[in-house]
Structures are given as structure tokens and as C-alpha cells.
Protein backbone atom coordinates (compact mmCIF):
# COMPACT_ATOMS: atom_id res chain seq x y z
CA MET A 1 -46.97 61.29 -77.13
CA SER A 2 -46.35 64.74 -78.61
CA ALA A 3 -43.66 67.09 -77.35
CA GLY A 4 -46.28 69.48 -75.94
CA SER A 5 -48.03 66.79 -73.88
CA ALA A 6 -44.69 65.49 -72.64
CA ILE A 7 -43.75 68.98 -71.44
CA GLU A 8 -47.10 69.39 -69.72
CA SER A 9 -46.64 66.03 -67.99
CA LEU A 10 -43.22 67.07 -66.73
CA GLU A 11 -44.59 70.39 -65.51
CA ARG A 12 -47.29 68.59 -63.53
CA ARG A 13 -44.78 66.24 -61.97
CA ALA A 14 -42.15 68.87 -61.20
CA PRO A 15 -43.88 70.22 -58.05
CA ARG A 16 -44.27 66.68 -56.68
CA ALA A 17 -40.61 65.90 -57.32
CA ALA A 18 -39.57 69.18 -55.71
CA ALA A 19 -41.75 68.45 -52.67
CA ALA A 20 -40.28 64.96 -52.36
CA LEU A 21 -36.74 66.32 -52.50
CA ALA A 22 -37.61 68.99 -49.93
CA SER A 23 -39.04 66.35 -47.59
CA LEU A 24 -35.92 64.24 -48.03
CA GLY A 25 -33.77 67.23 -47.14
CA GLU A 26 -35.88 67.97 -44.06
CA LEU A 27 -35.59 64.33 -43.01
CA ALA A 28 -31.80 64.44 -43.33
CA THR A 29 -31.67 67.70 -41.38
CA LEU A 30 -33.80 66.20 -38.62
CA ALA A 31 -31.49 63.18 -38.45
CA VAL A 32 -28.41 65.40 -38.15
CA ASP A 33 -30.02 67.62 -35.52
CA ALA A 34 -31.07 64.58 -33.49
CA GLY A 35 -27.56 63.11 -33.76
CA VAL A 36 -26.00 66.34 -32.51
CA ARG A 37 -28.35 66.53 -29.53
CA LEU A 38 -27.81 62.85 -28.76
CA VAL A 39 -24.22 63.41 -27.65
CA ARG A 40 -25.09 66.35 -25.40
CA ARG A 41 -25.60 65.87 -21.70
CA PRO A 42 -27.61 65.50 -19.57
CA PHE A 43 -29.81 62.90 -21.20
CA ASP A 44 -33.41 62.32 -20.15
CA LEU A 45 -33.40 58.65 -19.16
CA SER A 46 -36.98 58.80 -17.91
CA ALA A 47 -38.20 59.80 -21.38
CA LEU A 48 -36.22 56.94 -22.91
CA ALA A 49 -37.69 54.44 -20.44
CA GLU A 50 -41.20 55.69 -21.20
CA GLN A 51 -40.69 55.30 -24.94
CA LEU A 52 -39.21 51.83 -24.51
CA GLU A 53 -42.32 50.83 -22.62
CA VAL A 54 -44.58 52.29 -25.32
CA MET A 55 -42.68 50.85 -28.28
CA GLY A 56 -41.41 47.62 -26.80
CA ILE A 57 -43.70 46.19 -24.16
CA ARG A 58 -46.93 47.28 -25.83
CA SER A 59 -45.82 45.76 -29.15
CA ILE A 60 -44.88 42.32 -27.83
CA SER A 61 -48.23 40.71 -28.56
CA VAL A 62 -48.43 41.79 -32.20
CA ALA A 63 -44.77 40.86 -32.86
CA VAL A 64 -45.16 37.43 -31.26
CA LEU A 65 -48.41 36.60 -33.04
CA THR A 66 -46.93 37.62 -36.38
CA ALA A 67 -43.86 35.44 -35.81
CA VAL A 68 -45.86 32.43 -34.62
CA PHE A 69 -48.22 32.26 -37.57
CA SER A 70 -45.64 33.16 -40.21
CA CYS A 71 -43.28 30.44 -38.95
CA MET A 72 -46.11 27.93 -38.72
CA VAL A 73 -47.03 28.64 -42.33
CA MET A 74 -43.40 28.20 -43.38
CA ALA A 75 -43.14 24.93 -41.48
CA VAL A 76 -46.29 23.56 -43.15
CA GLN A 77 -45.20 24.64 -46.62
CA PHE A 78 -41.62 23.42 -46.36
CA THR A 79 -42.45 20.08 -44.75
CA PHE A 80 -45.01 19.40 -47.49
CA GLN A 81 -42.73 20.42 -50.35
CA MET A 82 -39.52 18.88 -48.98
CA ALA A 83 -41.29 15.60 -48.21
CA ARG A 84 -41.49 15.06 -51.98
CA PHE A 85 -37.69 14.73 -51.98
CA GLY A 86 -37.36 12.97 -48.64
CA ALA A 87 -35.68 16.01 -47.10
CA GLN A 88 -38.26 17.03 -44.52
CA ASP A 89 -35.75 16.45 -41.71
CA TYR A 90 -33.94 19.58 -42.86
CA VAL A 91 -36.94 21.89 -42.58
CA GLY A 92 -35.45 23.31 -39.36
CA GLN A 93 -32.51 24.73 -41.29
CA VAL A 94 -34.68 26.51 -43.81
CA VAL A 95 -37.21 27.90 -41.35
CA SER A 96 -34.67 29.01 -38.74
CA LEU A 97 -32.34 30.69 -41.21
CA SER A 98 -35.21 32.44 -43.00
CA GLN A 99 -36.68 33.66 -39.73
CA VAL A 100 -33.43 34.89 -38.21
CA ARG A 101 -32.03 36.61 -41.29
CA GLU A 102 -35.13 37.97 -43.01
CA LEU A 103 -38.64 37.32 -41.74
CA GLY A 104 -37.96 38.10 -38.10
CA PRO A 105 -36.61 41.65 -38.51
CA VAL A 106 -38.69 42.51 -41.59
CA LEU A 107 -42.09 41.34 -40.35
CA THR A 108 -41.45 42.86 -36.92
CA ALA A 109 -40.62 46.17 -38.56
CA LEU A 110 -43.64 46.05 -40.87
CA ILE A 111 -46.20 45.04 -38.24
CA ALA A 112 -44.91 46.36 -34.93
CA GLY A 113 -43.09 49.23 -36.66
CA GLY A 114 -46.27 50.29 -38.42
CA ARG A 115 -48.00 50.48 -35.07
CA ILE A 116 -45.10 52.40 -33.53
CA GLY A 117 -44.77 54.83 -36.42
CA ALA A 118 -48.48 55.58 -36.56
CA GLY A 119 -48.56 56.21 -32.83
CA ILE A 120 -45.60 58.59 -32.93
CA THR A 121 -47.02 60.56 -35.87
CA ALA A 122 -50.45 60.84 -34.29
CA GLU A 123 -49.00 62.01 -30.98
CA LEU A 124 -46.56 64.55 -32.39
CA GLY A 125 -49.02 65.64 -35.08
CA ALA A 126 -51.65 66.41 -32.46
CA MET A 127 -49.09 68.45 -30.53
CA GLN A 128 -48.11 70.29 -33.72
CA VAL A 129 -51.61 71.25 -34.86
CA THR A 130 -52.59 72.38 -31.34
CA GLU A 131 -49.41 74.55 -31.19
CA GLN A 132 -47.99 72.72 -28.19
CA ILE A 133 -44.62 72.38 -29.93
CA ASP A 134 -44.54 76.12 -30.63
CA ALA A 135 -45.27 76.67 -26.95
CA MET A 136 -42.30 74.47 -26.04
CA ARG A 137 -40.03 76.57 -28.23
CA SER A 138 -41.36 79.82 -26.74
CA MET A 139 -40.48 78.53 -23.25
CA GLY A 140 -36.93 77.73 -24.33
CA ALA A 141 -37.35 73.95 -24.58
CA ASP A 142 -35.92 72.00 -27.52
CA PRO A 143 -38.60 69.83 -29.19
CA ILE A 144 -36.03 67.69 -30.99
CA ARG A 145 -34.16 66.95 -27.77
CA LYS A 146 -37.33 66.32 -25.78
CA LEU A 147 -39.47 64.53 -28.36
CA VAL A 148 -37.32 63.10 -31.15
CA VAL A 149 -34.09 61.85 -29.54
CA PRO A 150 -35.73 59.54 -26.94
CA ARG A 151 -37.95 58.02 -29.63
CA LEU A 152 -35.03 57.39 -31.99
CA LEU A 153 -33.04 55.65 -29.27
CA ALA A 154 -36.06 53.65 -28.15
CA GLY A 155 -36.73 52.54 -31.73
CA ALA A 156 -33.11 51.45 -32.19
CA VAL A 157 -33.31 49.35 -28.99
CA ALA A 158 -36.92 48.10 -29.02
CA LEU A 159 -37.04 46.67 -32.54
CA PRO A 160 -34.05 44.30 -32.11
CA ILE A 161 -35.44 43.07 -28.79
CA LEU A 162 -38.85 42.47 -30.35
CA SER A 163 -37.22 40.73 -33.30
CA ALA A 164 -35.15 38.46 -31.04
CA GLY A 165 -38.22 37.47 -29.04
CA ALA A 166 -40.18 36.90 -32.23
CA ASN A 167 -37.41 34.64 -33.54
CA LEU A 168 -37.44 32.44 -30.45
CA VAL A 169 -41.21 32.09 -30.26
CA GLY A 170 -41.64 31.68 -34.02
CA ILE A 171 -38.99 28.97 -34.35
CA ALA A 172 -40.51 27.12 -31.37
CA ALA A 173 -43.93 27.25 -33.07
CA ALA A 174 -42.39 25.99 -36.32
CA MET A 175 -40.73 23.16 -34.42
CA MET A 176 -44.03 22.01 -32.98
CA MET A 177 -45.78 22.32 -36.35
CA ALA A 178 -43.06 20.29 -38.11
CA ARG A 179 -43.49 17.62 -35.46
CA LEU A 180 -47.25 17.48 -35.92
CA GLN A 181 -47.22 17.87 -39.72
CA ALA A 182 -44.43 15.52 -40.76
CA GLY A 183 -43.19 13.81 -37.61
CA VAL A 184 -39.89 15.72 -37.60
CA GLY A 185 -38.28 15.09 -34.22
CA LEU A 186 -37.83 18.06 -31.93
CA ALA A 187 -34.20 17.13 -31.34
CA ARG A 188 -33.58 16.81 -35.08
CA PHE A 189 -35.18 20.20 -35.75
CA TYR A 190 -33.11 21.82 -33.02
CA GLN A 191 -29.83 20.24 -34.10
CA THR A 192 -30.18 21.16 -37.74
CA SER A 193 -31.16 24.72 -36.80
CA ILE A 194 -28.16 25.20 -34.50
CA ARG A 195 -25.86 23.77 -37.14
CA VAL A 196 -26.82 26.24 -39.85
CA VAL A 197 -27.61 29.47 -37.94
CA THR A 198 -24.42 31.31 -37.04
CA ALA A 199 -23.66 34.29 -34.82
CA ALA A 200 -23.23 36.40 -37.96
CA ASP A 201 -26.78 35.51 -39.01
CA LEU A 202 -28.15 36.51 -35.60
CA LEU A 203 -26.20 39.76 -35.45
CA GLY A 204 -27.08 40.61 -39.03
CA GLY A 205 -30.80 40.17 -38.38
CA LEU A 206 -30.69 42.19 -35.16
CA GLY A 207 -28.64 44.88 -36.88
CA LYS A 208 -31.30 45.12 -39.58
CA ALA A 209 -33.99 45.49 -36.94
CA SER A 210 -32.07 48.31 -35.25
CA VAL A 211 -31.68 50.18 -38.54
CA PHE A 212 -35.37 49.67 -39.28
CA GLY A 213 -36.25 51.06 -35.84
CA VAL A 214 -34.25 54.24 -36.45
CA LEU A 215 -35.73 54.75 -39.92
CA ILE A 216 -39.29 54.15 -38.75
CA THR A 217 -39.09 56.53 -35.80
CA LEU A 218 -37.26 59.17 -37.84
CA ILE A 219 -39.92 59.16 -40.58
CA ALA A 220 -42.71 59.15 -38.01
CA CYS A 221 -41.23 62.10 -36.09
CA HIS A 222 -40.72 64.06 -39.31
CA GLN A 223 -44.30 63.50 -40.42
CA GLY A 224 -45.67 64.38 -37.00
CA LEU A 225 -43.63 67.57 -36.62
CA ASN A 226 -44.71 68.74 -40.08
CA ALA A 227 -48.41 67.88 -39.78
CA SER A 228 -50.85 70.68 -40.56
CA GLY A 229 -54.52 71.15 -41.28
CA GLY A 230 -56.09 70.07 -38.01
CA THR A 231 -57.24 66.54 -37.29
CA GLN A 232 -57.54 65.71 -40.99
CA GLY A 233 -53.93 66.72 -41.48
CA VAL A 234 -52.87 64.45 -38.62
CA GLY A 235 -54.77 61.58 -40.25
CA ARG A 236 -53.05 62.19 -43.59
CA ALA A 237 -49.64 62.36 -41.90
CA THR A 238 -50.32 59.07 -40.09
CA THR A 239 -51.30 57.38 -43.34
CA ARG A 240 -48.16 58.66 -45.05
CA THR A 241 -46.07 57.35 -42.17
CA VAL A 242 -47.45 53.81 -42.47
CA VAL A 243 -46.89 53.78 -46.24
CA LEU A 244 -43.43 55.34 -46.14
CA THR A 245 -42.14 53.18 -43.30
CA SER A 246 -43.30 50.01 -45.06
CA VAL A 247 -41.65 50.96 -48.35
CA VAL A 248 -38.46 52.23 -46.73
CA THR A 249 -38.20 49.09 -44.59
CA LEU A 250 -38.33 46.83 -47.65
CA MET A 251 -35.84 49.00 -49.54
CA ALA A 252 -33.46 49.10 -46.58
CA ASP A 253 -33.76 45.34 -46.17
CA PHE A 254 -32.67 44.79 -49.76
CA LEU A 255 -29.69 47.13 -49.43
CA PHE A 256 -28.70 45.73 -46.04
CA THR A 257 -28.92 42.14 -47.31
CA LYS A 258 -26.74 42.92 -50.33
CA LEU A 259 -24.19 44.60 -48.06
CA LEU A 260 -24.08 41.65 -45.65
CA LEU A 261 -23.67 39.17 -48.50
CA VAL A 262 -20.76 41.18 -49.90
CA PHE A 263 -18.95 41.02 -46.55
CA GLU A 264 -19.69 37.31 -46.21
CA VAL A 265 -18.14 36.62 -49.59
């Protein structure tokens, strides 16, 4: 590649890099503003309860179904592979630890979080393009306090609860599948799972889910509040939210896992 073409390539990419940095700065500013308003009283508990119902209760089915089938697949795969070494009795350890530490919080964030993030962006984006948020500001209301803070708190609470429920149901489904697939006793599965899964594993997985919930809702609120261009703009913002939340969730999971392993060592 010649020097001239390299310069042209950099010039084409410079606006995209600048836009990405600007969006990152706006996201950080939104997080700080929401944190400042979080400690101010009074707090709207009714708005928090409404968002918990929207994010938590309405996402139970998709979180549970994801956990059930992912754990059943793991149980089938591990019982088949471990039977070659006569170690199928220990499939409970592998499945339970994988579900609690990784698959539970990550899959819940990817599936249920994608639904939550898309819903938040569509709702706030519609308010933004129809100038409802500007009307709130003109009447002296604070959009961040009214719209962002309850959603951030709800995301931080709802995702760990969904993840915990998904863990219980998924491990139960894996237990039944291991029994049917390889004749692993239910008591044996339970005992080996309890022996290997510690409180630190449970808290680490739930902590991940809480961080994922905050990141997902923060990105979704930022995209919704900055939507423009009518209904097409709202659609583009919703698509960006799903993509960004998925990528950020996987990146955060890697960093969080490395951090937890450092403290364990």
C-alpha cells in the first residue's frame, strides 16, 4: 500500500474514530449524571417497581427457556464425552460450575438483556424523536432522573434475579437429562454439584449479572436519548443497542472473569 492510499484510508476512518470517542464520552457523562441523581432524594419507587416488572417479570420466560436448553445440551455433551473415561458421575460438577459462573449470567444478559435493551431504546427513542423529552425539560422535569435512573437500578437488580432463577431451573433440567442420558443418579448429581460450587462462585456470577444489567441499560438509554431521524432513526438506534450490548457483555465477562481469578489466586 502506498503512502498516499494509507493517508486516505486514515482520513476516511478518522471521522468514525472521532464519533466513537464522542459516543464513549457521552456514555461516561450519562453514567456520572445518573450516579449523581441516584443519591438525591426523594426517589421515585413507583418508577423503579414499574421497570422491575418490565425488565424482570416479562423476561422470565426467555431466561428460563435459554437456561433449560443450554444446560440440557451441556448435560448431553458432557455425559457422552465423559462416559468414554468412565467419569460421567462427575457431570454435575462441570455443568453446575459452568452454569453458575459463566453461562447463567452471560446467556441471561445476551438473551434477556437484548430484549430489555431493545425495549428501552425503542421507548426512549420514540420519546426523543417526538420531542417528548424536550417537553419534559421545558416543564422543569429532569429526563435523566425520571427515565434513566430507575432503569439503571432495575437493570442492576433484575438481571441477577433472572440469572439466579435461570441457574436453578437449568441445573434441574441438566440433572434430569443426565439421569435419562447416562443413568447418573439424581442424588449423585446433586452431591457433586454442591461439593464443587462455592458461595464465591454464586456471588461472582450474580455480580457479573448485575454489572451486565447496568451496562445494558446504560447503553440502551444513551442510544434512545440520542436517537434522531424519525422512526428509521429509532430502528437504527435499537439495532445498535442490540449489537453493542452483546459485544460489551462478552468483553465485560472476560475482564470480570480475569479479575475474579486474580483474587481467587
